[in-house]
N, C-alpha and C. Protein backbone atom coordinates (compact mmCIF):
# COMPACT_ATOMS: atom_id res chain seq x y z
N UNK A 1 -48.09 13.80 -23.37
CA UNK A 1 -47.41 12.77 -24.00
C UNK A 1 -45.66 12.67 -23.91
N UNK A 2 -45.30 11.86 -23.54
CA UNK A 2 -43.70 11.30 -23.04
C UNK A 2 -43.28 10.59 -24.36
N UNK A 3 -42.11 11.06 -24.84
CA UNK A 3 -41.64 10.19 -25.93
C UNK A 3 -40.49 9.54 -25.19
N UNK A 4 -40.56 8.50 -25.45
CA UNK A 4 -38.95 7.91 -25.01
C UNK A 4 -37.83 7.81 -26.14
N UNK A 5 -36.83 8.55 -25.35
CA UNK A 5 -35.40 8.92 -26.25
C UNK A 5 -34.24 8.15 -25.16
N UNK A 6 -33.04 8.08 -26.07
CA UNK A 6 -31.83 7.67 -25.49
C UNK A 6 -30.92 9.02 -25.35
N UNK A 7 -30.21 9.50 -24.05
CA UNK A 7 -29.35 10.25 -23.85
C UNK A 7 -27.82 9.59 -23.09
N UNK A 8 -27.39 9.27 -24.46
CA UNK A 8 -26.08 8.38 -24.41
C UNK A 8 -26.44 7.16 -23.77
N UNK A 9 -25.96 6.57 -22.52
CA UNK A 9 -26.51 5.17 -21.92
C UNK A 9 -27.85 5.07 -21.30
N UNK A 10 -28.23 6.22 -21.42
CA UNK A 10 -29.45 6.50 -20.58
C UNK A 10 -30.85 6.71 -21.12
N UNK A 11 -31.79 5.88 -21.31
CA UNK A 11 -33.42 5.92 -21.84
C UNK A 11 -33.69 6.52 -20.88
N UNK A 12 -34.65 7.64 -21.55
CA UNK A 12 -35.70 8.72 -20.22
C UNK A 12 -36.93 8.50 -21.35
N UNK A 13 -38.11 8.79 -20.40
CA UNK A 13 -39.23 9.74 -20.99
C UNK A 13 -39.01 11.05 -20.89
N UNK A 14 -39.74 11.56 -22.24
CA UNK A 14 -38.92 13.12 -22.24
C UNK A 14 -40.78 13.73 -22.61
N UNK A 15 -41.03 14.85 -21.84
CA UNK A 15 -42.07 15.32 -22.32
C UNK A 15 -41.51 17.06 -22.41
N UNK A 16 -41.74 17.65 -23.86
CA UNK A 16 -41.44 18.94 -23.95
C UNK A 16 -42.26 20.17 -23.38
N UNK A 17 -41.85 21.54 -23.43
CA UNK A 17 -42.85 22.78 -22.95
C UNK A 17 -43.96 22.67 -24.06
N UNK A 18 -44.77 23.30 -23.32
CA UNK A 18 -45.70 23.83 -24.39
C UNK A 18 -45.39 25.09 -25.33
N UNK A 19 -45.54 24.77 -26.55
CA UNK A 19 -44.82 26.01 -27.45
C UNK A 19 -43.43 25.81 -27.52
N UNK A 20 -42.97 24.43 -27.58
CA UNK A 20 -41.65 24.44 -27.41
C UNK A 20 -40.55 24.78 -29.00
N UNK A 21 -39.34 25.72 -28.59
CA UNK A 21 -38.97 25.92 -29.59
C UNK A 21 -37.02 25.57 -29.52
N UNK A 22 -36.55 24.85 -30.57
CA UNK A 22 -35.32 24.66 -30.41
C UNK A 22 -34.41 25.81 -30.13
N UNK A 23 -34.90 27.27 -30.31
CA UNK A 23 -33.97 28.30 -30.18
C UNK A 23 -33.43 28.71 -28.65
N UNK A 24 -34.69 28.23 -27.92
CA UNK A 24 -35.03 28.83 -26.89
C UNK A 24 -34.44 28.05 -25.50
N UNK A 25 -33.62 28.24 -24.59
CA UNK A 25 -33.33 27.65 -23.50
C UNK A 25 -34.55 27.38 -22.18
N UNK A 26 -34.64 25.92 -21.91
CA UNK A 26 -35.35 25.66 -20.66
C UNK A 26 -34.69 25.27 -19.64
N UNK A 27 -35.41 25.21 -18.73
CA UNK A 27 -35.11 24.50 -17.32
C UNK A 27 -35.22 23.11 -17.67
N UNK A 28 -34.56 22.33 -16.72
CA UNK A 28 -35.16 21.14 -16.54
C UNK A 28 -35.78 20.60 -15.27
N UNK A 29 -36.67 19.79 -16.19
CA UNK A 29 -37.30 18.75 -14.75
C UNK A 29 -37.17 17.49 -14.65
N UNK A 30 -36.40 16.96 -13.39
CA UNK A 30 -36.22 15.37 -13.05
C UNK A 30 -36.97 15.09 -12.61
N UNK A 31 -37.43 13.85 -13.11
CA UNK A 31 -38.50 13.23 -11.86
C UNK A 31 -37.85 11.53 -11.64
N UNK A 32 -37.59 11.10 -10.67
CA UNK A 32 -36.98 9.51 -10.79
C UNK A 32 -37.66 8.82 -9.65
N UNK A 33 -38.30 8.04 -10.44
CA UNK A 33 -39.19 6.76 -9.48
C UNK A 33 -38.62 6.13 -8.64
N UNK A 34 -39.64 5.31 -7.96
CA UNK A 34 -39.26 4.69 -6.77
C UNK A 34 -38.81 3.16 -7.24
N UNK A 35 -38.79 2.31 -6.19
CA UNK A 35 -38.45 0.85 -6.74
C UNK A 35 -37.69 0.34 -7.23
N UNK A 36 -37.70 -0.41 -8.44
CA UNK A 36 -36.27 -0.11 -9.30
C UNK A 36 -36.40 0.33 -10.75
N UNK A 37 -37.33 1.59 -10.75
CA UNK A 37 -37.42 2.21 -11.86
C UNK A 37 -37.30 1.45 -13.05
N UNK A 38 -38.23 0.29 -13.39
CA UNK A 38 -38.66 -0.01 -14.35
C UNK A 38 -39.45 0.59 -14.94
N UNK A 39 -39.86 0.21 -16.17
CA UNK A 39 -40.74 0.75 -17.58
C UNK A 39 -42.00 0.92 -16.56
N UNK A 40 -42.64 -0.15 -16.24
CA UNK A 40 -43.89 0.19 -15.26
C UNK A 40 -44.02 1.07 -14.12
N UNK A 41 -42.60 1.00 -13.41
CA UNK A 41 -42.77 1.89 -12.44
C UNK A 41 -42.79 3.09 -12.85
N UNK A 42 -42.11 3.28 -13.77
CA UNK A 42 -41.70 4.72 -14.17
C UNK A 42 -43.14 5.61 -14.70
N UNK A 43 -43.74 4.57 -15.89
CA UNK A 43 -44.92 5.07 -15.95
C UNK A 43 -45.75 5.27 -15.00
N UNK A 44 -46.04 4.74 -14.10
CA UNK A 44 -46.87 4.71 -12.68
C UNK A 44 -46.50 6.04 -12.01
N UNK A 45 -45.14 6.42 -12.09
CA UNK A 45 -44.88 7.63 -11.26
C UNK A 45 -45.24 8.82 -12.26
N UNK A 46 -44.66 8.54 -13.58
CA UNK A 46 -44.75 9.83 -14.51
C UNK A 46 -46.61 10.37 -14.35
N UNK A 47 -47.66 9.33 -14.27
CA UNK A 47 -48.87 9.65 -13.86
C UNK A 47 -48.68 10.37 -12.80
N UNK A 48 -48.74 9.54 -11.62
CA UNK A 48 -48.91 10.04 -10.40
C UNK A 48 -48.14 11.35 -9.77
N UNK A 49 -47.03 11.02 -10.12
CA UNK A 49 -46.14 11.99 -9.09
C UNK A 49 -45.90 13.31 -9.99
N UNK A 50 -45.59 13.01 -11.02
CA UNK A 50 -44.55 14.24 -11.63
C UNK A 50 -45.87 14.53 -12.89
N UNK A 51 -47.12 14.45 -13.02
CA UNK A 51 -48.37 15.15 -13.93
C UNK A 51 -48.48 16.02 -13.29
N UNK A 52 -47.86 17.26 -13.86
CA UNK A 52 -48.65 18.63 -13.11
C UNK A 52 -48.07 19.49 -14.28
N UNK A 53 -49.26 20.48 -14.27
CA UNK A 53 -48.77 21.80 -15.01
C UNK A 53 -48.50 22.72 -14.24
N UNK A 54 -47.86 22.58 -13.19
CA UNK A 54 -46.60 23.39 -12.84
C UNK A 54 -45.26 23.43 -13.58
N UNK A 55 -45.13 22.38 -14.18
CA UNK A 55 -43.62 22.28 -15.21
C UNK A 55 -44.09 22.09 -16.30
N UNK A 56 -45.07 22.85 -16.95
CA UNK A 56 -45.67 22.99 -18.32
C UNK A 56 -44.41 23.89 -19.07
N UNK A 57 -43.56 24.43 -18.61
CA UNK A 57 -42.40 25.30 -19.27
C UNK A 57 -40.77 24.82 -19.06
N UNK A 58 -41.41 23.76 -18.43
CA UNK A 58 -39.68 22.87 -18.33
C UNK A 58 -39.74 21.49 -19.54
N UNK A 59 -38.58 21.35 -19.46
CA UNK A 59 -38.13 19.94 -20.44
C UNK A 59 -38.14 18.90 -19.45
N UNK A 60 -39.19 18.14 -19.36
CA UNK A 60 -39.51 16.88 -17.95
C UNK A 60 -38.76 15.64 -18.67
N UNK A 61 -38.07 15.23 -17.73
CA UNK A 61 -37.32 14.23 -17.82
C UNK A 61 -37.34 13.20 -17.06
N UNK A 62 -38.24 11.90 -17.30
CA UNK A 62 -37.79 10.70 -16.28
C UNK A 62 -37.21 9.52 -16.85
N UNK A 63 -36.11 9.09 -15.53
CA UNK A 63 -35.08 8.08 -16.41
C UNK A 63 -35.82 6.92 -15.87
N UNK A 64 -35.27 5.68 -16.89
CA UNK A 64 -35.45 4.30 -16.71
C UNK A 64 -34.05 3.89 -16.35
N UNK A 65 -34.63 2.52 -15.54
CA UNK A 65 -33.74 2.09 -14.72
C UNK A 65 -33.20 0.82 -16.21
N UNK A 66 -32.01 1.23 -17.12
CA UNK A 66 -32.11 -0.01 -18.04
C UNK A 66 -30.26 -0.94 -18.20
N UNK A 67 -30.01 -0.74 -16.74
CA UNK A 67 -28.48 -1.56 -16.47
C UNK A 67 -28.59 -2.02 -15.26
N UNK A 68 -29.67 -2.19 -14.34
CA UNK A 68 -29.89 -2.75 -13.14
C UNK A 68 -29.14 -2.16 -12.03
N UNK A 69 -28.86 -1.30 -12.02
CA UNK A 69 -28.25 -0.37 -11.25
C UNK A 69 -29.22 1.23 -10.94
N UNK A 70 -29.59 1.05 -9.52
CA UNK A 70 -30.57 1.98 -9.06
C UNK A 70 -30.31 3.36 -9.35
N UNK A 71 -30.77 4.19 -9.14
CA UNK A 71 -30.32 5.49 -9.25
C UNK A 71 -29.74 6.26 -7.74
N UNK A 72 -30.41 5.14 -6.83
CA UNK A 72 -30.26 5.84 -5.44
C UNK A 72 -28.66 5.75 -5.04
N UNK A 73 -28.13 4.44 -5.96
CA UNK A 73 -26.41 4.09 -5.67
C UNK A 73 -25.77 4.80 -6.84
N UNK A 74 -25.96 5.67 -7.65
CA UNK A 74 -24.92 6.29 -8.47
C UNK A 74 -24.45 7.22 -7.60
N UNK A 75 -22.83 6.68 -8.61
CA UNK A 75 -21.70 7.49 -8.03
C UNK A 75 -21.62 9.16 -8.44
N UNK A 76 -21.01 9.66 -8.14
CA UNK A 76 -20.94 11.39 -8.45
C UNK A 76 -20.33 10.99 -9.85
N UNK A 77 -19.80 9.85 -10.51
CA UNK A 77 -19.29 10.20 -11.75
C UNK A 77 -20.44 10.02 -12.67
N UNK A 78 -21.39 8.95 -11.82
CA UNK A 78 -22.52 8.24 -13.05
C UNK A 78 -23.62 9.79 -12.79
N UNK A 79 -23.44 10.29 -11.81
CA UNK A 79 -24.55 11.58 -11.69
C UNK A 79 -23.95 12.53 -12.54
N UNK A 80 -23.03 12.81 -12.74
CA UNK A 80 -22.39 13.92 -13.85
C UNK A 80 -22.27 13.22 -15.25
N UNK A 81 -22.30 11.87 -15.35
CA UNK A 81 -22.88 11.22 -16.99
C UNK A 81 -24.24 11.47 -17.32
N UNK A 82 -24.98 11.35 -16.19
CA UNK A 82 -26.53 11.78 -16.81
C UNK A 82 -26.79 13.22 -16.67
N UNK A 83 -26.30 14.30 -15.99
CA UNK A 83 -26.33 15.55 -16.30
C UNK A 83 -25.36 16.06 -17.45
N UNK A 84 -24.98 15.46 -17.61
CA UNK A 84 -23.97 16.27 -18.77
C UNK A 84 -24.60 15.23 -20.47
N UNK A 85 -25.20 14.06 -20.16
CA UNK A 85 -26.11 13.75 -21.24
C UNK A 85 -27.06 15.05 -21.57
N UNK A 86 -28.14 14.88 -20.29
CA UNK A 86 -29.25 16.33 -20.72
C UNK A 86 -28.55 17.24 -21.46
N UNK A 87 -27.51 17.74 -20.87
CA UNK A 87 -26.79 19.45 -20.98
C UNK A 87 -26.29 19.08 -22.54
N UNK A 88 -26.17 17.86 -23.42
CA UNK A 88 -25.79 17.86 -24.50
C UNK A 88 -26.26 17.73 -25.49
N UNK A 89 -27.70 17.16 -24.72
CA UNK A 89 -28.42 16.80 -25.89
C UNK A 89 -29.88 18.25 -26.05
N UNK A 90 -29.86 18.94 -24.85
CA UNK A 90 -31.15 19.98 -24.68
C UNK A 90 -30.50 21.31 -24.70
N UNK A 91 -31.25 22.29 -25.14
CA UNK A 91 -30.37 23.89 -25.21
C UNK A 91 -31.48 24.08 -23.71
N UNK A 92 -30.59 23.84 -22.81
CA UNK A 92 -31.36 24.21 -20.92
C UNK A 92 -30.41 25.09 -20.49
N UNK A 93 -30.87 25.49 -19.36
CA UNK A 93 -30.56 26.40 -18.52
C UNK A 93 -29.28 25.72 -17.64
N UNK A 94 -28.43 26.70 -16.82
CA UNK A 94 -27.51 26.07 -16.03
C UNK A 94 -27.87 26.30 -14.78
N UNK A 95 -29.14 26.81 -14.51
CA UNK A 95 -29.55 26.59 -13.19
C UNK A 95 -30.89 26.49 -13.06
N UNK A 96 -31.48 26.55 -12.01
CA UNK A 96 -33.36 26.87 -11.59
C UNK A 96 -33.80 25.55 -12.10
N UNK A 97 -32.90 24.07 -12.49
CA UNK A 97 -33.81 23.06 -12.46
C UNK A 97 -34.71 22.67 -11.25
N UNK A 98 -35.81 21.61 -11.55
CA UNK A 98 -36.11 21.01 -10.37
C UNK A 98 -35.92 19.19 -10.25
N UNK A 99 -35.93 18.71 -9.37
CA UNK A 99 -35.72 17.59 -9.11
C UNK A 99 -36.76 16.52 -8.27
N UNK A 100 -37.62 15.88 -8.67
CA UNK A 100 -38.40 15.29 -7.89
C UNK A 100 -38.10 13.54 -7.71
N UNK A 101 -38.57 13.45 -6.48
CA UNK A 101 -38.78 11.78 -6.50
C UNK A 101 -39.45 11.05 -5.63
N UNK A 102 -39.29 9.64 -6.04
CA UNK A 102 -40.44 8.97 -4.90
C UNK A 102 -39.49 7.73 -4.35
N UNK A 103 -39.96 7.77 -3.18
CA UNK A 103 -39.04 6.25 -2.27
C UNK A 103 -37.48 6.24 -2.65
N UNK A 104 -37.22 5.07 -3.40
CA UNK A 104 -35.82 5.33 -3.83
C UNK A 104 -35.49 6.75 -4.72
N UNK A 105 -36.14 7.05 -5.11
CA UNK A 105 -36.11 7.98 -6.11
C UNK A 105 -36.19 9.31 -5.63
N UNK A 106 -36.92 9.21 -3.98
CA UNK A 106 -36.59 10.63 -2.73
C UNK A 106 -35.30 10.48 -2.13
N UNK A 107 -34.54 9.36 -2.69
CA UNK A 107 -33.33 9.10 -1.95
C UNK A 107 -32.31 9.52 -2.76
N UNK A 108 -32.12 9.51 -4.14
CA UNK A 108 -31.63 9.60 -5.08
C UNK A 108 -31.12 11.26 -5.56
N UNK A 109 -32.57 11.44 -5.40
CA UNK A 109 -32.68 13.47 -5.77
C UNK A 109 -31.61 14.20 -4.61
N UNK A 110 -31.87 13.55 -3.37
CA UNK A 110 -30.85 14.15 -2.42
C UNK A 110 -29.46 14.09 -2.95
N UNK A 111 -29.01 12.60 -3.28
CA UNK A 111 -27.54 12.67 -3.82
C UNK A 111 -27.14 13.93 -4.76
N UNK A 112 -27.90 13.90 -5.70
CA UNK A 112 -28.08 14.54 -6.92
C UNK A 112 -27.69 15.90 -6.47
N UNK A 113 -28.58 16.49 -5.65
CA UNK A 113 -28.30 17.95 -5.18
C UNK A 113 -27.40 18.08 -4.50
N UNK A 114 -26.89 17.19 -3.21
CA UNK A 114 -25.74 17.25 -2.46
C UNK A 114 -24.34 17.47 -3.79
N UNK A 115 -24.22 16.71 -5.02
CA UNK A 115 -23.54 16.80 -5.73
C UNK A 115 -23.40 18.05 -6.48
N UNK A 116 -24.72 18.51 -6.99
CA UNK A 116 -24.55 19.61 -7.85
C UNK A 116 -25.83 20.77 -7.46
N UNK A 117 -25.42 21.13 -6.02
CA UNK A 117 -26.74 21.89 -5.44
C UNK A 117 -27.41 23.11 -6.51
N UNK A 118 -25.84 23.77 -7.16
CA UNK A 118 -26.12 25.39 -7.65
C UNK A 118 -27.39 24.93 -8.89
N UNK A 119 -27.55 24.01 -9.37
CA UNK A 119 -28.27 23.72 -10.58
C UNK A 119 -29.98 23.69 -10.37
N UNK A 120 -30.01 23.38 -8.94
CA UNK A 120 -31.20 23.20 -9.02
C UNK A 120 -32.02 24.51 -7.86
N UNK A 121 -33.15 24.39 -8.41
CA UNK A 121 -33.73 25.57 -7.36
C UNK A 121 -34.73 24.86 -6.31
N UNK A 122 -35.78 24.10 -6.86
CA UNK A 122 -36.60 23.30 -6.57
C UNK A 122 -36.45 21.67 -6.25
N UNK A 123 -36.69 21.29 -4.89
CA UNK A 123 -36.58 19.75 -4.63
C UNK A 123 -37.70 19.16 -4.00
N UNK A 124 -38.32 18.21 -4.53
CA UNK A 124 -39.54 17.22 -4.06
C UNK A 124 -39.42 16.40 -3.84
N UNK A 125 -39.77 15.57 -2.48
CA UNK A 125 -39.61 14.08 -2.44
C UNK A 125 -41.12 13.65 -1.81
N UNK A 126 -41.46 12.07 -1.96
CA UNK A 126 -42.49 11.59 -1.79
C UNK A 126 -42.77 10.26 -1.69
N UNK A 127 -41.95 9.57 -0.97
CA UNK A 127 -41.22 10.33 0.42
C UNK A 127 -39.62 10.15 -0.02
N UNK A 128 -39.03 10.89 0.96
CA UNK A 128 -37.29 10.84 0.43
C UNK A 128 -36.61 11.45 1.77
N UNK A 129 -35.38 11.78 1.47
CA UNK A 129 -34.64 12.63 2.72
C UNK A 129 -33.37 12.45 2.41
N UNK A 130 -32.40 13.25 3.48
CA UNK A 130 -31.11 13.09 3.08
C UNK A 130 -30.25 11.69 3.44
N UNK A 131 -30.82 11.17 4.29
CA UNK A 131 -29.81 9.84 4.69
C UNK A 131 -28.66 10.39 5.10
N UNK A 132 -27.50 9.99 4.34
CA UNK A 132 -26.18 10.24 4.62
C UNK A 132 -25.81 11.70 3.97
N UNK A 133 -26.89 12.18 3.16
CA UNK A 133 -25.78 13.35 2.89
C UNK A 133 -26.17 14.71 3.81
N UNK A 134 -25.37 15.62 3.93
CA UNK A 134 -25.10 16.79 4.68
C UNK A 134 -25.23 17.99 4.05
N UNK A 135 -26.47 18.75 4.20
CA UNK A 135 -26.84 20.30 3.60
C UNK A 135 -25.57 21.26 3.99
N UNK A 136 -25.31 22.15 3.02
CA UNK A 136 -24.27 23.02 3.59
C UNK A 136 -24.83 24.39 2.88
N UNK A 137 -24.36 25.42 2.89
CA UNK A 137 -24.38 27.11 2.45
C UNK A 137 -24.47 26.88 1.10
N UNK A 138 -24.40 26.00 0.53
CA UNK A 138 -24.65 26.16 -1.27
C UNK A 138 -26.24 25.70 -1.40
N UNK A 139 -26.53 25.22 -0.33
CA UNK A 139 -28.29 24.70 -0.99
C UNK A 139 -29.02 26.06 0.12
N UNK A 140 -28.64 27.20 0.02
CA UNK A 140 -29.56 28.31 0.97
C UNK A 140 -30.40 28.59 0.20
N UNK A 141 -30.29 28.42 -1.38
CA UNK A 141 -31.31 29.17 -2.42
C UNK A 141 -32.42 27.93 -2.85
N UNK A 142 -32.34 26.90 -2.02
CA UNK A 142 -33.20 25.81 -2.54
C UNK A 142 -34.64 26.16 -1.91
N UNK A 143 -35.82 25.61 -2.28
CA UNK A 143 -36.92 25.21 -2.09
C UNK A 143 -37.13 23.82 -1.79
N UNK A 144 -37.75 23.38 -0.70
CA UNK A 144 -37.98 21.86 -0.48
C UNK A 144 -39.34 22.02 -0.24
N UNK A 145 -39.70 20.42 -0.80
CA UNK A 145 -41.09 19.95 -0.34
C UNK A 145 -40.46 18.44 0.19
N UNK A 146 -41.13 17.89 1.36
CA UNK A 146 -40.65 16.54 2.14
C UNK A 146 -42.11 15.93 2.10
N UNK A 147 -42.84 14.92 1.56
CA UNK A 147 -44.25 15.04 1.76
C UNK A 147 -44.19 13.33 2.02
N UNK A 148 -45.13 12.97 2.42
CA UNK A 148 -45.45 11.53 2.95
C UNK A 148 -46.89 11.21 3.25
N UNK A 149 -46.94 9.88 3.08
CA UNK A 149 -48.62 9.57 3.04
C UNK A 149 -48.31 9.12 4.50
N UNK A 150 -49.46 9.27 5.69
CA UNK A 150 -49.97 9.05 6.73
C UNK A 150 -49.72 7.74 7.24
N UNK A 151 -49.73 6.86 6.21
CA UNK A 151 -49.85 5.44 6.46
C UNK A 151 -48.56 4.90 5.79
N UNK A 152 -47.60 5.78 5.56
CA UNK A 152 -46.36 5.20 5.44
C UNK A 152 -45.68 4.30 6.68
N UNK A 153 -44.41 3.65 6.68
CA UNK A 153 -43.90 3.14 7.76
C UNK A 153 -43.33 4.29 8.48
N UNK A 154 -42.89 3.71 9.54
CA UNK A 154 -42.63 4.88 10.65
C UNK A 154 -40.88 5.07 10.17
N UNK A 155 -40.31 4.44 9.36
CA UNK A 155 -39.09 5.04 9.17
C UNK A 155 -38.90 5.72 8.37
N UNK A 156 -39.75 5.98 7.23
CA UNK A 156 -39.88 7.02 6.29
C UNK A 156 -40.33 8.19 6.65
N UNK A 157 -41.41 8.02 7.56
CA UNK A 157 -41.71 9.25 8.28
C UNK A 157 -40.65 9.98 9.09
N UNK A 158 -39.87 9.08 9.64
CA UNK A 158 -38.68 9.49 10.66
C UNK A 158 -37.69 10.46 9.60
N UNK A 159 -37.58 9.67 8.72
CA UNK A 159 -36.13 10.11 7.92
C UNK A 159 -37.01 11.45 7.09
N UNK A 160 -38.00 11.67 7.50
CA UNK A 160 -38.77 13.37 6.55
C UNK A 160 -38.39 14.25 7.68
N UNK A 161 -38.80 13.90 8.99
CA UNK A 161 -38.99 14.90 9.90
C UNK A 161 -37.28 15.02 10.19
N UNK A 162 -36.30 14.29 10.14
CA UNK A 162 -35.03 14.64 10.70
C UNK A 162 -34.77 15.14 9.41
N UNK A 163 -35.03 14.78 8.30
CA UNK A 163 -34.26 15.65 7.38
C UNK A 163 -34.76 17.00 7.23
N UNK A 164 -35.85 17.20 7.38
CA UNK A 164 -36.87 18.68 7.81
C UNK A 164 -36.08 19.58 8.57
N UNK A 165 -35.66 18.81 9.78
CA UNK A 165 -34.84 19.32 11.12
C UNK A 165 -33.57 20.08 10.58
N UNK A 166 -32.82 19.50 9.89
CA UNK A 166 -31.65 19.45 9.09
C UNK A 166 -31.81 20.55 8.20
N UNK A 167 -32.52 20.78 7.60
CA UNK A 167 -32.68 21.72 6.50
C UNK A 167 -33.42 22.62 6.90
N UNK A 168 -34.21 22.80 7.80
CA UNK A 168 -35.03 24.66 8.28
C UNK A 168 -33.80 25.18 8.21
N UNK A 169 -32.61 25.40 8.73
CA UNK A 169 -31.94 26.29 9.03
C UNK A 169 -31.19 26.72 7.89
N UNK A 170 -31.27 25.80 7.07
CA UNK A 170 -30.19 26.20 5.67
C UNK A 170 -31.01 26.57 4.36
N UNK A 171 -32.04 26.07 4.21
CA UNK A 171 -32.60 26.14 2.86
C UNK A 171 -33.67 27.33 3.05
N UNK A 172 -33.69 27.94 1.96
CA UNK A 172 -34.54 28.88 1.25
C UNK A 172 -36.05 29.13 2.48
N UNK A 173 -36.65 27.20 1.71
CA UNK A 173 -38.10 27.70 2.05
C UNK A 173 -38.25 25.54 2.15
N UNK A 174 -38.91 25.52 3.16
CA UNK A 174 -39.21 24.06 3.51
C UNK A 174 -40.48 23.62 3.93
N UNK A 175 -41.53 22.73 3.25
CA UNK A 175 -42.37 22.33 3.61
C UNK A 175 -42.74 21.04 3.90
N UNK A 176 -42.88 20.66 5.57
CA UNK A 176 -43.22 18.74 5.59
C UNK A 176 -44.64 18.74 5.80
N UNK A 177 -44.66 17.52 4.70
CA UNK A 177 -46.28 17.36 4.49
C UNK A 177 -46.36 15.95 4.69
N UNK A 178 -47.80 15.38 5.80
CA UNK A 178 -48.18 13.88 6.25
C UNK A 178 -49.26 14.26 5.73
N UNK A 179 -49.54 13.41 4.85
CA UNK A 179 -51.07 13.10 3.40
C UNK A 179 -51.86 12.12 4.28
N UNK A 180 -52.94 12.83 4.38
CA UNK A 180 -54.15 11.41 5.15
C UNK A 180 -54.59 10.58 3.88
N UNK A 181 -54.58 9.33 4.73
CA UNK A 181 -55.39 8.35 3.04
C UNK A 181 -54.28 7.93 2.45
N UNK A 182 -53.01 8.20 2.42
CA UNK A 182 -52.11 8.03 1.53
C UNK A 182 -50.87 7.27 2.49
N UNK A 183 -50.36 5.95 1.72
CA UNK A 183 -49.30 5.10 1.80
C UNK A 183 -48.03 5.44 1.63
N UNK A 184 -47.02 4.51 1.29
CA UNK A 184 -45.82 4.74 1.07
C UNK A 184 -45.96 5.03 -0.35
N UNK A 185 -46.72 4.40 -1.56
CA UNK A 185 -47.04 4.61 -2.62
C UNK A 185 -48.35 5.72 -2.42
N UNK A 186 -48.19 6.61 -3.20
CA UNK A 186 -49.80 7.15 -3.35
C UNK A 186 -50.73 6.82 -4.36
N UNK A 187 -51.80 6.99 -4.03
CA UNK A 187 -52.73 6.40 -5.14
C UNK A 187 -52.85 7.40 -6.31
N UNK A 188 -53.56 6.36 -7.52
CA UNK A 188 -53.78 7.07 -8.82
C UNK A 188 -54.57 8.16 -8.53
N UNK A 189 -55.50 8.31 -7.58
CA UNK A 189 -56.85 9.67 -7.65
C UNK A 189 -56.18 10.73 -6.70
N UNK A 190 -55.06 10.68 -6.11
CA UNK A 190 -54.44 11.91 -5.42
C UNK A 190 -54.05 12.95 -6.33
N UNK A 191 -54.35 13.73 -5.90
CA UNK A 191 -53.82 15.17 -6.60
C UNK A 191 -52.56 15.78 -6.21
N UNK A 192 -51.76 15.41 -6.82
CA UNK A 192 -50.09 15.77 -6.65
C UNK A 192 -50.35 17.50 -6.64
N UNK A 193 -50.88 17.96 -7.10
CA UNK A 193 -50.66 19.42 -7.42
C UNK A 193 -50.69 19.96 -5.74
N UNK A 194 -51.41 19.04 -4.97
CA UNK A 194 -51.66 19.77 -3.58
C UNK A 194 -50.00 19.98 -2.64
N UNK A 195 -49.07 18.64 -3.27
CA UNK A 195 -47.93 18.70 -3.00
C UNK A 195 -46.84 20.06 -3.88
N UNK A 196 -47.38 20.27 -4.85
CA UNK A 196 -46.23 21.24 -5.91
C UNK A 196 -47.21 22.68 -5.24
N UNK A 197 -48.20 22.78 -5.02
CA UNK A 197 -48.60 24.07 -4.47
C UNK A 197 -47.51 24.55 -3.61
N UNK A 198 -47.44 23.98 -2.51
CA UNK A 198 -46.73 24.12 -1.29
C UNK A 198 -45.39 24.75 -1.55
N UNK A 199 -44.80 24.02 -2.40
CA UNK A 199 -43.67 24.79 -3.35
C UNK A 199 -43.79 25.92 -3.60
N UNK A 200 -44.44 25.94 -5.10
CA UNK A 200 -44.51 27.31 -5.41
C UNK A 200 -45.46 28.31 -4.50
N UNK A 201 -46.12 28.27 -4.27
CA UNK A 201 -47.33 29.11 -3.82
C UNK A 201 -46.42 29.43 -2.45
N UNK A 202 -45.72 28.69 -1.45
CA UNK A 202 -44.94 29.70 -0.37
C UNK A 202 -44.13 30.36 -0.98
N UNK A 203 -43.10 29.69 -2.06
CA UNK A 203 -42.28 30.71 -2.68
C UNK A 203 -42.53 32.52 -3.02
N UNK A 204 -43.78 32.25 -3.56
CA UNK A 204 -44.41 33.34 -3.87
C UNK A 204 -44.10 34.14 -2.62
N UNK A 205 -44.32 33.79 -1.64
CA UNK A 205 -44.65 34.46 -0.45
C UNK A 205 -43.41 35.27 0.31
N UNK A 206 -42.12 34.44 0.00
CA UNK A 206 -40.98 34.79 0.40
C UNK A 206 -40.42 36.08 0.94
């Protein structure tokens, strides 16, 4: 169950960990939707892309675009404002966060990681990619999954492959997935754990 709250100027959906305690620190999971990140899109993404038991011990945060500015276009100052709002509201860790995103959200997450790489441990895009971002040695601890629907457009598939090639020599672990039967927007009946399992199960074997 998600609850809608305000973090300074940001409206977000929040789901707290199982057996949540105000006295404990928790890592953060950020899920960024595609499209215009409207309430409708965010709710779809929450159910299809971010609804996984892998993160039941994380504070899960899914932002809603309430200022007509897409998260993929956020400046570093705006990213700082969002991160600081989370840290000021919740008792949370200062590392080992997860960020996941779809489409425009899959672009936004790499902007966030590029600005705050040490904050994160896991990065998942369905789809997404580096675009203008240039990974460096500060990304070496990251585990990444890039997932595309096989029926997605060639430009998104190419961006994922290009990003994969750039990330392979740098990050700790990376998986590139092309999922049969799926389009740019994944269907509601797709088991998203198939994507997240690549991230976590592979990491256990590193």
